[in-house]
């Protein structure tokens, strides 16, 4: 399967230390199978970093590797998915919140931080949080690679 990573630079070697804390599935390397989604992410990275050129790097991922790794898969939007995102986005340490090599699940909408605060303050229920986190352009899945073992299953194209 082909996976894409949108950034402001070409990815020659993946460095897990460059991942940012407080992301949906934790600090790691994120890809998705939708090329146009990766293109959109380029703009987000450039806006955040203030420099660079929109660059999508393609990788090949052999899905049979999933049988030999510790994988968490969310088939769709759910209470469990929203709670998992809340756990990871609330983690301010460099230690991971979970021990999964790979996490596969829906991409949350851009308003994640605001919606999580609303939930934590009691302004909305977990069910409302799930609805609010759904990506406005329809369900799109992301693949999180959180360990060197997981990264070894990606081949740059």
Protein backbone atom coordinates (compact mmCIF):
# COMPACT_ATOMS: atom_id res chain seq x y z
CA UNK A 1 0.00 0.00 0.00
CA UNK A 2 1.19 3.50 -0.81
CA UNK A 3 1.26 6.02 2.04
CA UNK A 4 2.07 9.72 1.88
CA UNK A 5 3.60 12.24 4.26
CA UNK A 6 3.02 15.96 3.70
CA UNK A 7 5.71 18.33 4.92
CA UNK A 8 7.76 21.41 4.14
CA UNK A 9 10.85 19.32 3.27
CA UNK A 10 11.68 16.06 1.51
CA UNK A 11 11.89 13.18 3.99
CA UNK A 12 15.11 11.24 3.35
CA UNK A 13 15.37 9.54 6.72
CA UNK A 14 12.59 9.41 9.29
CA UNK A 15 13.60 10.66 12.73
CA UNK A 16 11.05 9.88 15.44
CA UNK A 17 12.63 12.57 17.63
CA UNK A 18 11.36 15.22 15.19
CA UNK A 19 7.77 14.18 15.87
CA UNK A 20 5.71 16.56 17.96
CA UNK A 21 4.08 15.76 21.29
CA UNK A 22 0.37 16.16 21.73
CA UNK A 23 -0.73 14.77 18.37
CA UNK A 24 -3.75 12.49 17.81
CA UNK A 25 -1.91 9.20 18.28
CA UNK A 26 1.19 10.53 20.04
CA UNK A 27 4.68 11.59 19.05
CA UNK A 28 5.63 9.72 15.89
CA UNK A 29 5.58 9.71 12.11
CA UNK A 30 2.22 10.21 10.39
CA UNK A 31 1.18 9.13 6.91
CA UNK A 32 -2.07 8.53 5.07
CA UNK A 33 -3.15 6.80 1.87
CA UNK A 34 -4.77 9.94 0.41
CA UNK A 35 -2.31 11.97 -1.67
CA UNK A 36 -4.50 15.10 -1.65
CA UNK A 37 -4.78 14.96 2.14
CA UNK A 38 -0.98 14.90 2.32
CA UNK A 39 -0.87 17.95 0.03
CA UNK A 40 -3.18 19.78 2.45
CA UNK A 41 -0.92 18.87 5.36
CA UNK A 42 2.01 20.52 3.54
CA UNK A 43 0.27 23.88 3.92
CA UNK A 44 -0.31 23.29 7.63
CA UNK A 45 3.37 22.47 8.20
CA UNK A 46 4.59 25.48 6.23
CA UNK A 47 2.22 27.77 8.13
CA UNK A 48 3.41 26.32 11.47
CA UNK A 49 7.14 26.31 10.59
CA UNK A 50 7.12 29.55 8.62
CA UNK A 51 9.26 28.19 5.79
CA UNK A 52 9.83 25.42 3.31
CA UNK A 53 8.33 24.09 0.12
CA UNK A 54 5.23 21.88 -0.08
CA UNK A 55 6.63 18.36 -0.38
CA UNK A 56 4.82 15.04 -0.36
CA UNK A 57 7.01 12.01 0.25
CA UNK A 58 5.64 8.63 -0.80
CA UNK A 59 6.29 5.35 0.98
CA UNK A 60 5.43 1.72 0.35
CA UNK A 61 4.02 -0.16 3.33
CA UNK A 62 3.59 -3.92 3.28
CA UNK A 63 0.37 -4.47 5.23
CA UNK A 64 1.35 -8.06 6.01
CA UNK A 65 3.79 -6.50 8.53
CA UNK A 66 0.77 -5.63 10.69
CA UNK A 67 0.58 -9.29 11.76
CA UNK A 68 3.98 -8.99 13.46
CA UNK A 69 3.59 -5.62 15.16
CA UNK A 70 1.64 -4.24 18.09
CA UNK A 71 -1.15 -2.44 16.21
CA UNK A 72 -4.17 -0.44 17.31
CA UNK A 73 -6.83 0.02 14.63
CA UNK A 74 -9.89 2.26 14.82
CA UNK A 75 -12.35 1.34 12.09
CA UNK A 76 -14.22 4.62 12.42
CA UNK A 77 -15.19 7.43 14.73
CA UNK A 78 -16.02 6.13 18.18
CA UNK A 79 -15.90 6.96 21.86
CA UNK A 80 -12.75 4.83 22.19
CA UNK A 81 -11.09 6.74 19.33
CA UNK A 82 -11.96 10.14 20.88
CA UNK A 83 -10.67 9.04 24.31
CA UNK A 84 -7.44 7.77 22.70
CA UNK A 85 -6.92 11.15 21.02
CA UNK A 86 -7.66 12.93 24.32
CA UNK A 87 -5.08 10.74 26.10
CA UNK A 88 -2.38 11.46 23.50
CA UNK A 89 -3.13 15.16 23.08
CA UNK A 90 -2.99 15.59 26.88
CA UNK A 91 0.43 13.93 27.13
CA UNK A 92 3.05 16.66 27.64
CA UNK A 93 5.96 14.29 28.27
CA UNK A 94 8.33 12.65 25.81
CA UNK A 95 7.23 9.25 27.11
CA UNK A 96 4.52 7.71 24.91
CA UNK A 97 0.98 7.26 26.23
CA UNK A 98 0.77 3.82 24.65
CA UNK A 99 3.00 0.98 23.47
CA UNK A 100 1.64 0.48 19.94
CA UNK A 101 4.07 0.28 17.04
CA UNK A 102 1.38 1.45 14.63
CA UNK A 103 -1.98 3.13 15.14
CA UNK A 104 -4.47 3.35 12.27
CA UNK A 105 -7.56 5.47 12.55
CA UNK A 106 -9.53 8.46 11.37
CA UNK A 107 -7.96 11.89 11.13
CA UNK A 108 -9.59 14.33 13.52
CA UNK A 109 -10.84 17.71 12.34
CA UNK A 110 -8.59 20.77 12.74
CA UNK A 111 -10.59 22.07 15.71
CA UNK A 112 -9.38 19.23 17.95
CA UNK A 113 -7.83 21.34 20.71
CA UNK A 114 -10.91 23.55 21.10
CA UNK A 115 -13.27 20.55 21.17
CA UNK A 116 -11.13 18.65 23.67
CA UNK A 117 -11.18 21.66 25.99
CA UNK A 118 -14.96 21.83 25.69
CA UNK A 119 -15.22 18.16 26.62
CA UNK A 120 -12.77 18.44 29.53
CA UNK A 121 -14.71 21.41 30.93
CA UNK A 122 -17.95 19.44 30.79
CA UNK A 123 -19.50 21.66 28.10
CA UNK A 124 -20.09 18.69 25.77
CA UNK A 125 -20.55 14.94 26.22
CA UNK A 126 -18.22 12.26 24.84
CA UNK A 127 -20.82 11.54 22.16
CA UNK A 128 -20.83 15.20 21.11
CA UNK A 129 -17.01 15.18 21.15
CA UNK A 130 -16.95 12.26 18.71
CA UNK A 131 -19.26 14.19 16.35
CA UNK A 132 -17.22 17.39 16.64
CA UNK A 133 -13.92 15.63 15.93
CA UNK A 134 -15.14 14.07 12.69
CA UNK A 135 -13.21 15.42 9.72
CA UNK A 136 -15.41 17.86 7.82
CA UNK A 137 -14.41 16.51 4.39
CA UNK A 138 -15.35 12.93 5.23
CA UNK A 139 -13.51 10.10 6.93
CA UNK A 140 -9.84 9.87 6.07
CA UNK A 141 -7.46 7.49 7.82
CA UNK A 142 -4.00 8.17 9.16
CA UNK A 143 -1.21 5.71 9.86
CA UNK A 144 0.95 6.50 12.89
CA UNK A 145 4.38 4.89 13.11
CA UNK A 146 5.71 5.18 16.64
CA UNK A 147 8.67 2.80 16.91
CA UNK A 148 11.85 2.04 14.95
CA UNK A 149 10.44 -1.44 14.28
CA UNK A 150 7.34 0.08 12.67
CA UNK A 151 9.43 2.49 10.61
CA UNK A 152 11.49 -0.40 9.30
CA UNK A 153 8.36 -1.55 7.44
CA UNK A 154 8.20 1.67 5.37
CA UNK A 155 10.16 1.95 2.13
CA UNK A 156 10.62 5.38 0.57
CA UNK A 157 9.55 5.48 -3.08
